[in-house]
Amino acid sequence: MNTATRHVARDAEANPALRTLARAGYAADGLVHLLTGTIVLVVTFGGEGESDQTGAFKAVAAAPLGFVVLWVLAVALWALAAYHVFEAMLARGDSSAKKWARRLGEVGQVVAFAALGVIAAVVAAGAHPNGERSVETLSGDLIAASGGPLLLGAIGLGVAIAGATFTGFGTMRRFREHTGIPPGPPGIAVTVVGGVGYIAKGIALVIVGALLVVASVTLDADVAGGMDGAVNALLELPYGRWLGGAVGIGLLAYGLFLFARARYARL
C-alpha cells in the first residue's frame, strides 16, 4: 500500500464521526447478542424461537417502530465494518506475518459486521429470512458443486478456528488488549463478562464449524447449521439443558461486554 493510500485510510479511521458510529456498532452487536442469548434460554427450557442473529432481528421487528430500530442497527453495524476496513489497511505488526495475521483478523470482522448489517436491513425491509434454512441451502449447493464439499469443509474448519480463537481470547483475557478496562469494581465486572462471553461465543462457533465439516464429509446438508443448529445439537447431548443454559447465559454476558466495549474500546 502506497503512502498516499495509507494517509487517506489513517484520516478516515481517525474521523470522530466514524469512531462514534463504530462505538454504536459495538452497542448494536451487544443488543443482538443479548436478544440471541435470551432466545437460547427460552429454547433451552422448552420454548420456541430462532436462536440466532436472524431471530434476534425478527424480535426487534416485532416491537413498535421496530423497523426504524433495525435501520439504525444496520447503519451502526456497517459503520463498524467500515472502521475495520481501515484497520485492515493500516494493520501493524513487528513482522510481515504478524501484520498479515492482524489484517486477516480485521477482514473477518469486516465480513461479520457487514453481514449482520445486511440481515438487519433485510428484516427491516419486511423480509422473513430463516438463518438455519439459509445455511442448509448454501451447504447443499456447495455439496452439489464440483469441489464444493472441500470448500464447505474448509469454511467449517475456518469457523471452528475462529471459535477456538474466541475461546482463547476469553480464557487468556486477551480482549483487554483492545478495551480500556476501567479501574475498580467496574473493571472487574467488564473482565468477568468479557471472559465468560468470549468463551461461550467461541464454543458456539466451534460447534457450528463442526456441523459444517460433518456435512461436508457425509454429503448431508441437513447436518449443517448455524447458531440455531448449534443450540439444538447441544440440547441433544447429555445434560443438554445445562449446556444450552450455559451458552445462553454466556451470550448474555458477551452482549453486556459489547456494551462496555462501545464505551471503552481503544479506537
C-alpha atoms as a PDB file:
ATOM      1  CA  MET A   1       0.000   0.000   0.000  1.00  0.00           C
ATOM      2  CA  ASN A   2       1.443   3.370  -1.011  1.00  0.00           C
ATOM      3  CA  THR A   3       1.912   6.289   1.356  1.00  0.00           C
ATOM      4  CA  ALA A   4      -0.986   8.337  -0.061  1.00  0.00           C
ATOM      5  CA  THR A   5      -3.452   5.468   0.408  1.00  0.00           C
ATOM      6  CA  ARG A   6      -2.287   4.877   3.977  1.00  0.00           C
ATOM      7  CA  HIS A   7      -2.670   8.594   4.682  1.00  0.00           C
ATOM      8  CA  VAL A   8      -6.272   8.554   3.416  1.00  0.00           C
ATOM      9  CA  ALA A   9      -7.037   5.422   5.444  1.00  0.00           C
ATOM     10  CA  ARG A  10      -5.473   6.943   8.580  1.00  0.00           C
ATOM     11  CA  ASP A  11      -7.523  10.127   8.216  1.00  0.00           C
ATOM     12  CA  ALA A  12     -10.717   8.145   7.685  1.00  0.00           C
ATOM     13  CA  GLU A  13     -10.004   5.899  10.678  1.00  0.00           C
ATOM     14  CA  ALA A  14      -9.425   8.930  12.904  1.00  0.00           C
ATOM     15  CA  ASN A  15     -12.630  10.666  11.826  1.00  0.00           C
ATOM     16  CA  PRO A  16     -14.643  11.401  15.031  1.00  0.00           C
ATOM     17  CA  ALA A  17     -17.993  10.719  13.332  1.00  0.00           C
ATOM     18  CA  LEU A  18     -16.863   7.288  12.108  1.00  0.00           C
ATOM     19  CA  ARG A  19     -15.464   6.407  15.530  1.00  0.00           C
ATOM     20  CA  THR A  20     -18.728   7.409  17.211  1.00  0.00           C
ATOM     21  CA  LEU A  21     -20.716   5.272  14.762  1.00  0.00           C
ATOM     22  CA  ALA A  22     -18.261   2.404  15.251  1.00  0.00           C
ATOM     23  CA  ARG A  23     -18.885   2.525  19.007  1.00  0.00           C
ATOM     24  CA  ALA A  24     -22.602   2.473  18.234  1.00  0.00           C
ATOM     25  CA  GLY A  25     -21.891  -0.617  16.135  1.00  0.00           C
ATOM     26  CA  TYR A  26     -20.478  -2.421  19.160  1.00  0.00           C
ATOM     27  CA  ALA A  27     -23.620  -1.490  21.103  1.00  0.00           C
ATOM     28  CA  ALA A  28     -25.771  -2.759  18.213  1.00  0.00           C
ATOM     29  CA  ASP A  29     -23.891  -6.055  18.229  1.00  0.00           C
ATOM     30  CA  GLY A  30     -24.352  -6.165  22.005  1.00  0.00           C
ATOM     31  CA  LEU A  31     -28.120  -5.833  21.626  1.00  0.00           C
ATOM     32  CA  VAL A  32     -28.133  -8.645  19.061  1.00  0.00           C
ATOM     33  CA  HIS A  33     -26.261 -10.945  21.448  1.00  0.00           C
ATOM     34  CA  LEU A  34     -28.493 -10.050  24.393  1.00  0.00           C
ATOM     35  CA  LEU A  35     -31.552 -10.984  22.343  1.00  0.00           C
ATOM     36  CA  THR A  36     -29.893 -14.129  20.978  1.00  0.00           C
ATOM     37  CA  GLY A  37     -28.883 -15.237  24.461  1.00  0.00           C
ATOM     38  CA  THR A  38     -32.427 -14.666  25.699  1.00  0.00           C
ATOM     39  CA  ILE A  39     -33.877 -16.733  22.840  1.00  0.00           C
ATOM     40  CA  VAL A  40     -31.339 -19.513  23.512  1.00  0.00           C
ATOM     41  CA  LEU A  41     -32.531 -19.667  27.127  1.00  0.00           C
ATOM     42  CA  VAL A  42     -36.164 -19.730  26.013  1.00  0.00           C
ATOM     43  CA  VAL A  43     -35.482 -22.612  23.599  1.00  0.00           C
ATOM     44  CA  THR A  44     -33.366 -24.447  26.171  1.00  0.00           C
ATOM     45  CA  PHE A  45     -36.229 -24.556  28.640  1.00  0.00           C
ATOM     46  CA  GLY A  46     -38.866 -25.703  26.173  1.00  0.00           C
ATOM     47  CA  GLY A  47     -39.937 -22.552  24.347  1.00  0.00           C
ATOM     48  CA  GLU A  48     -39.787 -21.796  20.644  1.00  0.00           C
ATOM     49  CA  GLY A  49     -37.706 -19.358  18.663  1.00  0.00           C
ATOM     50  CA  GLU A  50     -34.846 -18.922  16.202  1.00  0.00           C
ATOM     51  CA  SER A  51     -31.796 -18.849  18.437  1.00  0.00           C
ATOM     52  CA  ASP A  52     -29.546 -16.917  16.075  1.00  0.00           C
ATOM     53  CA  GLN A  53     -28.999 -13.357  14.859  1.00  0.00           C
ATOM     54  CA  THR A  54     -31.888 -13.586  12.406  1.00  0.00           C
ATOM     55  CA  GLY A  55     -34.217 -14.498  15.251  1.00  0.00           C
ATOM     56  CA  ALA A  56     -32.903 -11.547  17.258  1.00  0.00           C
ATOM     57  CA  PHE A  57     -33.617  -9.121  14.409  1.00  0.00           C
ATOM     58  CA  LYS A  58     -37.096 -10.564  13.971  1.00  0.00           C
ATOM     59  CA  ALA A  59     -37.729  -9.949  17.674  1.00  0.00           C
ATOM     60  CA  VAL A  60     -36.748  -6.299  17.161  1.00  0.00           C
ATOM     61  CA  ALA A  61     -39.007  -6.077  14.101  1.00  0.00           C
ATOM     62  CA  ALA A  62     -41.971  -7.237  16.188  1.00  0.00           C
ATOM     63  CA  ALA A  63     -41.602  -4.267  18.565  1.00  0.00           C
ATOM     64  CA  PRO A  64     -43.309  -0.900  17.921  1.00  0.00           C
ATOM     65  CA  LEU A  65     -41.265   1.032  15.331  1.00  0.00           C
ATOM     66  CA  GLY A  66     -39.006  -1.995  15.165  1.00  0.00           C
ATOM     67  CA  PHE A  67     -38.147  -1.364  11.507  1.00  0.00           C
ATOM     68  CA  VAL A  68     -36.707   2.037  12.482  1.00  0.00           C
ATOM     69  CA  VAL A  69     -34.535   0.444  15.148  1.00  0.00           C
ATOM     70  CA  LEU A  70     -33.383  -2.162  12.635  1.00  0.00           C
ATOM     71  CA  TRP A  71     -32.237   0.503  10.169  1.00  0.00           C
ATOM     72  CA  VAL A  72     -30.347   2.257  12.963  1.00  0.00           C
ATOM     73  CA  LEU A  73     -28.696  -1.041  13.867  1.00  0.00           C
ATOM     74  CA  ALA A  74     -27.820  -1.692  10.215  1.00  0.00           C
ATOM     75  CA  VAL A  75     -26.151   1.709   9.779  1.00  0.00           C
ATOM     76  CA  ALA A  76     -24.173   1.316  13.019  1.00  0.00           C
ATOM     77  CA  LEU A  77     -23.003  -2.179  12.057  1.00  0.00           C
ATOM     78  CA  TRP A  78     -21.950  -1.026   8.588  1.00  0.00           C
ATOM     79  CA  ALA A  79     -20.033   1.862  10.137  1.00  0.00           C
ATOM     80  CA  LEU A  80     -18.219  -0.588  12.403  1.00  0.00           C
ATOM     81  CA  ALA A  81     -17.419  -2.736   9.352  1.00  0.00           C
ATOM     82  CA  ALA A  82     -16.051   0.348   7.571  1.00  0.00           C
ATOM     83  CA  TYR A  83     -13.855   1.179  10.563  1.00  0.00           C
ATOM     84  CA  HIS A  84     -12.359  -2.316  10.437  1.00  0.00           C
ATOM     85  CA  VAL A  85     -11.716  -1.894   6.703  1.00  0.00           C
ATOM     86  CA  PHE A  86      -9.395   0.981   7.535  1.00  0.00           C
ATOM     87  CA  GLU A  87      -7.908  -1.008  10.414  1.00  0.00           C
ATOM     88  CA  ALA A  88      -7.110  -3.792   7.943  1.00  0.00           C
ATOM     89  CA  MET A  89      -5.471  -1.327   5.583  1.00  0.00           C
ATOM     90  CA  LEU A  90      -3.357   0.065   8.430  1.00  0.00           C
ATOM     91  CA  ALA A  91      -2.549  -3.310  10.012  1.00  0.00           C
ATOM     92  CA  ARG A  92       0.517  -3.056  12.227  1.00  0.00           C
ATOM     93  CA  GLY A  93       2.930  -5.727  13.379  1.00  0.00           C
ATOM     94  CA  ASP A  94       6.561  -6.477  14.239  1.00  0.00           C
ATOM     95  CA  SER A  95       6.836  -8.737  11.194  1.00  0.00           C
ATOM     96  CA  SER A  96       5.120  -9.299   7.867  1.00  0.00           C
ATOM     97  CA  ALA A  97       3.499 -12.483   9.196  1.00  0.00           C
ATOM     98  CA  LYS A  98       2.032 -10.703  12.227  1.00  0.00           C
ATOM     99  CA  LYS A  99       0.870  -7.861  10.044  1.00  0.00           C
ATOM    100  CA  TRP A 100      -0.987 -10.197   7.689  1.00  0.00           C
ATOM    101  CA  ALA A 101      -2.448 -12.160  10.601  1.00  0.00           C
ATOM    102  CA  ARG A 102      -3.783  -8.893  12.021  1.00  0.00           C
ATOM    103  CA  ARG A 103      -5.104  -7.918   8.584  1.00  0.00           C
ATOM    104  CA  LEU A 104      -6.926 -11.230   8.121  1.00  0.00           C
ATOM    105  CA  GLY A 105      -8.496 -10.846  11.554  1.00  0.00           C
ATOM    106  CA  GLU A 106      -9.734  -7.385  10.640  1.00  0.00           C
ATOM    107  CA  VAL A 107     -11.146  -8.667   7.326  1.00  0.00           C
ATOM    108  CA  GLY A 108     -13.037 -11.343   9.241  1.00  0.00           C
ATOM    109  CA  GLN A 109     -14.630  -8.649  11.400  1.00  0.00           C
ATOM    110  CA  VAL A 110     -15.496  -6.606   8.302  1.00  0.00           C
ATOM    111  CA  VAL A 111     -17.372  -9.577   6.843  1.00  0.00           C
ATOM    112  CA  ALA A 112     -19.123 -10.391  10.121  1.00  0.00           C
ATOM    113  CA  PHE A 113     -20.358  -6.875  10.870  1.00  0.00           C
ATOM    114  CA  ALA A 114     -21.291  -6.100   7.262  1.00  0.00           C
ATOM    115  CA  ALA A 115     -23.292  -9.342   7.049  1.00  0.00           C
ATOM    116  CA  LEU A 116     -25.110  -8.546  10.298  1.00  0.00           C
ATOM    117  CA  GLY A 117     -25.992  -5.127   8.895  1.00  0.00           C
ATOM    118  CA  VAL A 118     -27.372  -6.736   5.739  1.00  0.00           C
ATOM    119  CA  ILE A 119     -29.553  -9.122   7.767  1.00  0.00           C
ATOM    120  CA  ALA A 120     -30.870  -6.206   9.841  1.00  0.00           C
ATOM    121  CA  ALA A 121     -31.685  -4.245   6.664  1.00  0.00           C
ATOM    122  CA  VAL A 122     -33.372  -7.247   5.015  1.00  0.00           C
ATOM    123  CA  VAL A 123     -35.597  -7.809   8.049  1.00  0.00           C
ATOM    124  CA  ALA A 124     -36.301  -4.055   8.277  1.00  0.00           C
ATOM    125  CA  ALA A 125     -37.468  -4.150   4.647  1.00  0.00           C
ATOM    126  CA  GLY A 126     -40.093  -6.731   5.574  1.00  0.00           C
ATOM    127  CA  ALA A 127     -38.413  -9.997   4.610  1.00  0.00           C
ATOM    128  CA  HIS A 128     -38.525 -13.047   6.859  1.00  0.00           C
ATOM    129  CA  PRO A 129     -35.240 -14.910   6.301  1.00  0.00           C
ATOM    130  CA  ASN A 130     -34.512 -18.157   8.071  1.00  0.00           C
ATOM    131  CA  GLY A 131     -30.857 -18.323   9.062  1.00  0.00           C
ATOM    132  CA  GLU A 132     -30.821 -22.069   9.643  1.00  0.00           C
ATOM    133  CA  ARG A 133     -32.513 -22.852   6.332  1.00  0.00           C
ATOM    134  CA  SER A 134     -30.161 -20.493   4.514  1.00  0.00           C
ATOM    135  CA  VAL A 135     -27.110 -22.318   5.899  1.00  0.00           C
ATOM    136  CA  GLU A 136     -28.573 -25.675   4.883  1.00  0.00           C
ATOM    137  CA  THR A 137     -29.420 -24.408   1.377  1.00  0.00           C
ATOM    138  CA  LEU A 138     -25.959 -22.942   0.845  1.00  0.00           C
ATOM    139  CA  SER A 139     -24.373 -26.133   2.162  1.00  0.00           C
ATOM    140  CA  GLY A 140     -26.492 -28.200  -0.227  1.00  0.00           C
ATOM    141  CA  ASP A 141     -25.447 -26.045  -3.172  1.00  0.00           C
ATOM    142  CA  LEU A 142     -21.782 -26.452  -2.240  1.00  0.00           C
ATOM    143  CA  ILE A 143     -22.102 -30.215  -1.775  1.00  0.00           C
ATOM    144  CA  ALA A 144     -23.652 -30.493  -5.245  1.00  0.00           C
ATOM    145  CA  ALA A 145     -20.878 -28.455  -6.886  1.00  0.00           C
ATOM    146  CA  SER A 146     -17.558 -29.810  -8.106  1.00  0.00           C
ATOM    147  CA  GLY A 147     -15.073 -29.387  -5.262  1.00  0.00           C
ATOM    148  CA  GLY A 148     -17.851 -27.911  -3.146  1.00  0.00           C
ATOM    149  CA  PRO A 149     -17.553 -30.387  -0.255  1.00  0.00           C
ATOM    150  CA  LEU A 150     -13.893 -29.434   0.170  1.00  0.00           C
ATOM    151  CA  LEU A 151     -14.810 -25.757   0.208  1.00  0.00           C
ATOM    152  CA  LEU A 152     -17.608 -26.403   2.716  1.00  0.00           C
ATOM    153  CA  GLY A 153     -15.187 -28.334   4.909  1.00  0.00           C
ATOM    154  CA  ALA A 154     -12.665 -25.505   4.692  1.00  0.00           C
ATOM    155  CA  ILE A 155     -15.345 -22.976   5.690  1.00  0.00           C
ATOM    156  CA  GLY A 156     -16.358 -25.164   8.621  1.00  0.00           C
ATOM    157  CA  LEU A 157     -12.734 -25.502   9.701  1.00  0.00           C
ATOM    158  CA  GLY A 158     -12.317 -21.726   9.473  1.00  0.00           C
ATOM    159  CA  VAL A 159     -15.398 -21.137  11.622  1.00  0.00           C
ATOM    160  CA  ALA A 160     -14.161 -23.675  14.181  1.00  0.00           C
ATOM    161  CA  ILE A 161     -10.747 -21.984  14.303  1.00  0.00           C
ATOM    162  CA  ALA A 162     -12.469 -18.633  14.809  1.00  0.00           C
ATOM    163  CA  GLY A 163     -14.412 -20.206  17.667  1.00  0.00           C
ATOM    164  CA  ALA A 164     -11.240 -21.573  19.230  1.00  0.00           C
ATOM    165  CA  THR A 165      -9.712 -18.100  18.924  1.00  0.00           C
ATOM    166  CA  PHE A 166     -12.707 -16.585  20.732  1.00  0.00           C
ATOM    167  CA  THR A 167     -12.361 -19.181  23.485  1.00  0.00           C
ATOM    168  CA  GLY A 168      -8.648 -18.423  23.765  1.00  0.00           C
ATOM    169  CA  PHE A 169      -9.346 -14.701  23.981  1.00  0.00           C
ATOM    170  CA  GLY A 170     -11.782 -15.360  26.814  1.00  0.00           C
ATOM    171  CA  THR A 171      -9.542 -17.784  28.684  1.00  0.00           C
ATOM    172  CA  MET A 172      -6.420 -15.633  28.414  1.00  0.00           C
ATOM    173  CA  ARG A 173      -8.432 -12.374  28.690  1.00  0.00           C
ATOM    174  CA  ARG A 174      -6.717 -11.067  25.586  1.00  0.00           C
ATOM    175  CA  PHE A 175      -9.775  -8.930  24.813  1.00  0.00           C
ATOM    176  CA  ARG A 176      -8.259  -6.479  27.303  1.00  0.00           C
ATOM    177  CA  GLU A 177      -5.706  -5.568  24.619  1.00  0.00           C
ATOM    178  CA  HIS A 178      -8.461  -3.848  22.652  1.00  0.00           C
ATOM    179  CA  THR A 179     -10.505  -2.468  25.530  1.00  0.00           C
ATOM    180  CA  GLY A 180      -9.531   0.078  28.141  1.00  0.00           C
ATOM    181  CA  ILE A 181     -10.626  -1.697  31.327  1.00  0.00           C
ATOM    182  CA  PRO A 182     -11.753   0.846  33.960  1.00  0.00           C
ATOM    183  CA  PRO A 183     -10.320   0.553  37.483  1.00  0.00           C
ATOM    184  CA  GLY A 184     -12.122  -0.912  40.473  1.00  0.00           C
ATOM    185  CA  PRO A 185     -15.347  -2.963  40.523  1.00  0.00           C
ATOM    186  CA  PRO A 186     -16.499  -1.781  37.053  1.00  0.00           C
ATOM    187  CA  GLY A 187     -13.265  -3.138  35.571  1.00  0.00           C
ATOM    188  CA  ILE A 188     -13.703  -6.459  37.361  1.00  0.00           C
ATOM    189  CA  ALA A 189     -17.263  -6.712  36.024  1.00  0.00           C
ATOM    190  CA  VAL A 190     -16.149  -5.946  32.454  1.00  0.00           C
ATOM    191  CA  THR A 191     -13.375  -8.537  32.679  1.00  0.00           C
ATOM    192  CA  VAL A 192     -15.722 -11.228  34.026  1.00  0.00           C
ATOM    193  CA  VAL A 193     -18.479 -10.746  31.456  1.00  0.00           C
ATOM    194  CA  GLY A 194     -15.851 -10.460  28.720  1.00  0.00           C
ATOM    195  CA  GLY A 195     -14.179 -13.726  29.676  1.00  0.00           C
ATOM    196  CA  VAL A 196     -17.441 -15.647  30.055  1.00  0.00           C
ATOM    197  CA  GLY A 197     -18.877 -14.127  26.898  1.00  0.00           C
ATOM    198  CA  TYR A 198     -15.891 -14.858  24.669  1.00  0.00           C
ATOM    199  CA  ILE A 199     -15.733 -18.472  25.864  1.00  0.00           C
ATOM    200  CA  ALA A 200     -19.470 -19.056  25.271  1.00  0.00           C
ATOM    201  CA  LYS A 201     -19.354 -17.414  21.842  1.00  0.00           C
ATOM    202  CA  GLY A 202     -16.308 -19.500  20.975  1.00  0.00           C
ATOM    203  CA  ILE A 203     -17.958 -22.768  21.989  1.00  0.00           C
ATOM    204  CA  ALA A 204     -20.991 -21.976  19.837  1.00  0.00           C
ATOM    205  CA  LEU A 205     -18.792 -21.169  16.822  1.00  0.00           C
ATOM    206  CA  VAL A 206     -16.761 -24.373  17.255  1.00  0.00           C
ATOM    207  CA  ILE A 207     -19.998 -26.370  17.151  1.00  0.00           C
ATOM    208  CA  VAL A 208     -21.187 -24.503  14.049  1.00  0.00           C
ATOM    209  CA  GLY A 209     -17.870 -25.222  12.354  1.00  0.00           C
ATOM    210  CA  ALA A 210     -18.008 -28.884  13.360  1.00  0.00           C
ATOM    211  CA  LEU A 211     -21.513 -29.225  11.893  1.00  0.00           C
ATOM    212  CA  LEU A 212     -20.318 -27.797   8.583  1.00  0.00           C
ATOM    213  CA  VAL A 213     -17.326 -30.157   8.490  1.00  0.00           C
ATOM    214  CA  VAL A 214     -19.544 -33.172   9.240  1.00  0.00           C
ATOM    215  CA  ALA A 215     -21.941 -32.073   6.474  1.00  0.00           C
ATOM    216  CA  SER A 216     -19.034 -31.845   4.014  1.00  0.00           C
ATOM    217  CA  VAL A 217     -17.843 -35.367   4.924  1.00  0.00           C
ATOM    218  CA  THR A 218     -21.263 -37.051   4.982  1.00  0.00           C
ATOM    219  CA  LEU A 219     -22.545 -35.010   1.995  1.00  0.00           C
ATOM    220  CA  ASP A 220     -25.680 -34.317   4.024  1.00  0.00           C
ATOM    221  CA  ALA A 221     -26.707 -30.643   4.005  1.00  0.00           C
ATOM    222  CA  ASP A 222     -29.314 -31.283   6.711  1.00  0.00           C
ATOM    223  CA  VAL A 223     -26.482 -31.793   9.195  1.00  0.00           C
ATOM    224  CA  ALA A 224     -25.160 -28.274   8.607  1.00  0.00           C
ATOM    225  CA  GLY A 225     -26.428 -25.446  10.745  1.00  0.00           C
ATOM    226  CA  GLY A 226     -25.788 -22.019  12.156  1.00  0.00           C
ATOM    227  CA  MET A 227     -26.169 -20.852  15.739  1.00  0.00           C
ATOM    228  CA  ASP A 228     -29.681 -22.304  15.919  1.00  0.00           C
ATOM    229  CA  GLY A 229     -28.342 -25.681  14.815  1.00  0.00           C
ATOM    230  CA  ALA A 230     -25.518 -25.468  17.337  1.00  0.00           C
ATOM    231  CA  VAL A 231     -28.001 -24.908  20.159  1.00  0.00           C
ATOM    232  CA  ASN A 232     -30.135 -27.845  19.009  1.00  0.00           C
ATOM    233  CA  ALA A 233     -27.016 -30.022  18.824  1.00  0.00           C
ATOM    234  CA  LEU A 234     -26.132 -29.064  22.402  1.00  0.00           C
ATOM    235  CA  LEU A 235     -29.638 -29.888  23.642  1.00  0.00           C
ATOM    236  CA  GLU A 236     -29.339 -33.409  22.254  1.00  0.00           C
ATOM    237  CA  LEU A 237     -26.261 -34.118  24.380  1.00  0.00           C
ATOM    238  CA  PRO A 238     -26.332 -35.472  27.947  1.00  0.00           C
ATOM    239  CA  TYR A 239     -27.041 -32.562  30.301  1.00  0.00           C
ATOM    240  CA  GLY A 240     -28.034 -30.640  27.171  1.00  0.00           C
ATOM    241  CA  ARG A 241     -30.254 -28.198  29.011  1.00  0.00           C
ATOM    242  CA  TRP A 242     -27.419 -27.293  31.341  1.00  0.00           C
ATOM    243  CA  LEU A 243     -25.106 -26.795  28.358  1.00  0.00           C
ATOM    244  CA  GLY A 244     -27.699 -24.780  26.445  1.00  0.00           C
ATOM    245  CA  GLY A 245     -28.378 -22.660  29.501  1.00  0.00           C
ATOM    246  CA  ALA A 246     -24.658 -22.018  29.964  1.00  0.00           C
ATOM    247  CA  VAL A 247     -24.303 -20.895  26.340  1.00  0.00           C
ATOM    248  CA  GLY A 248     -27.371 -18.663  26.653  1.00  0.00           C
ATOM    249  CA  ILE A 249     -26.009 -17.011  29.796  1.00  0.00           C
ATOM    250  CA  GLY A 250     -22.624 -16.698  28.120  1.00  0.00           C
ATOM    251  CA  LEU A 251     -24.134 -14.905  25.132  1.00  0.00           C
ATOM    252  CA  LEU A 252     -25.908 -12.530  27.513  1.00  0.00           C
ATOM    253  CA  ALA A 253     -22.531 -11.862  29.146  1.00  0.00           C
ATOM    254  CA  TYR A 254     -20.950 -11.252  25.752  1.00  0.00           C
ATOM    255  CA  GLY A 255     -23.725  -8.805  24.915  1.00  0.00           C
ATOM    256  CA  LEU A 256     -23.069  -6.893  28.132  1.00  0.00           C
ATOM    257  CA  PHE A 257     -19.348  -6.857  27.369  1.00  0.00           C
ATOM    258  CA  LEU A 258     -20.029  -5.377  23.920  1.00  0.00           C
ATOM    259  CA  PHE A 259     -21.960  -2.533  25.532  1.00  0.00           C
ATOM    260  CA  ALA A 260     -18.923  -1.927  27.738  1.00  0.00           C
ATOM    261  CA  ARG A 261     -16.694  -2.138  24.669  1.00  0.00           C
ATOM    262  CA  ALA A 262     -18.804   0.527  22.989  1.00  0.00           C
ATOM    263  CA  ARG A 263     -17.687   2.807  25.804  1.00  0.00           C
ATOM    264  CA  TYR A 264     -14.138   1.622  26.462  1.00  0.00           C
ATOM    265  CA  ALA A 265     -12.865   0.231  23.112  1.00  0.00           C
ATOM    266  CA  ARG A 266      -9.483   1.547  22.046  1.00  0.00           C
ATOM    267  CA  LEU A 267     -10.314   3.071  18.678  1.00  0.00           C
END
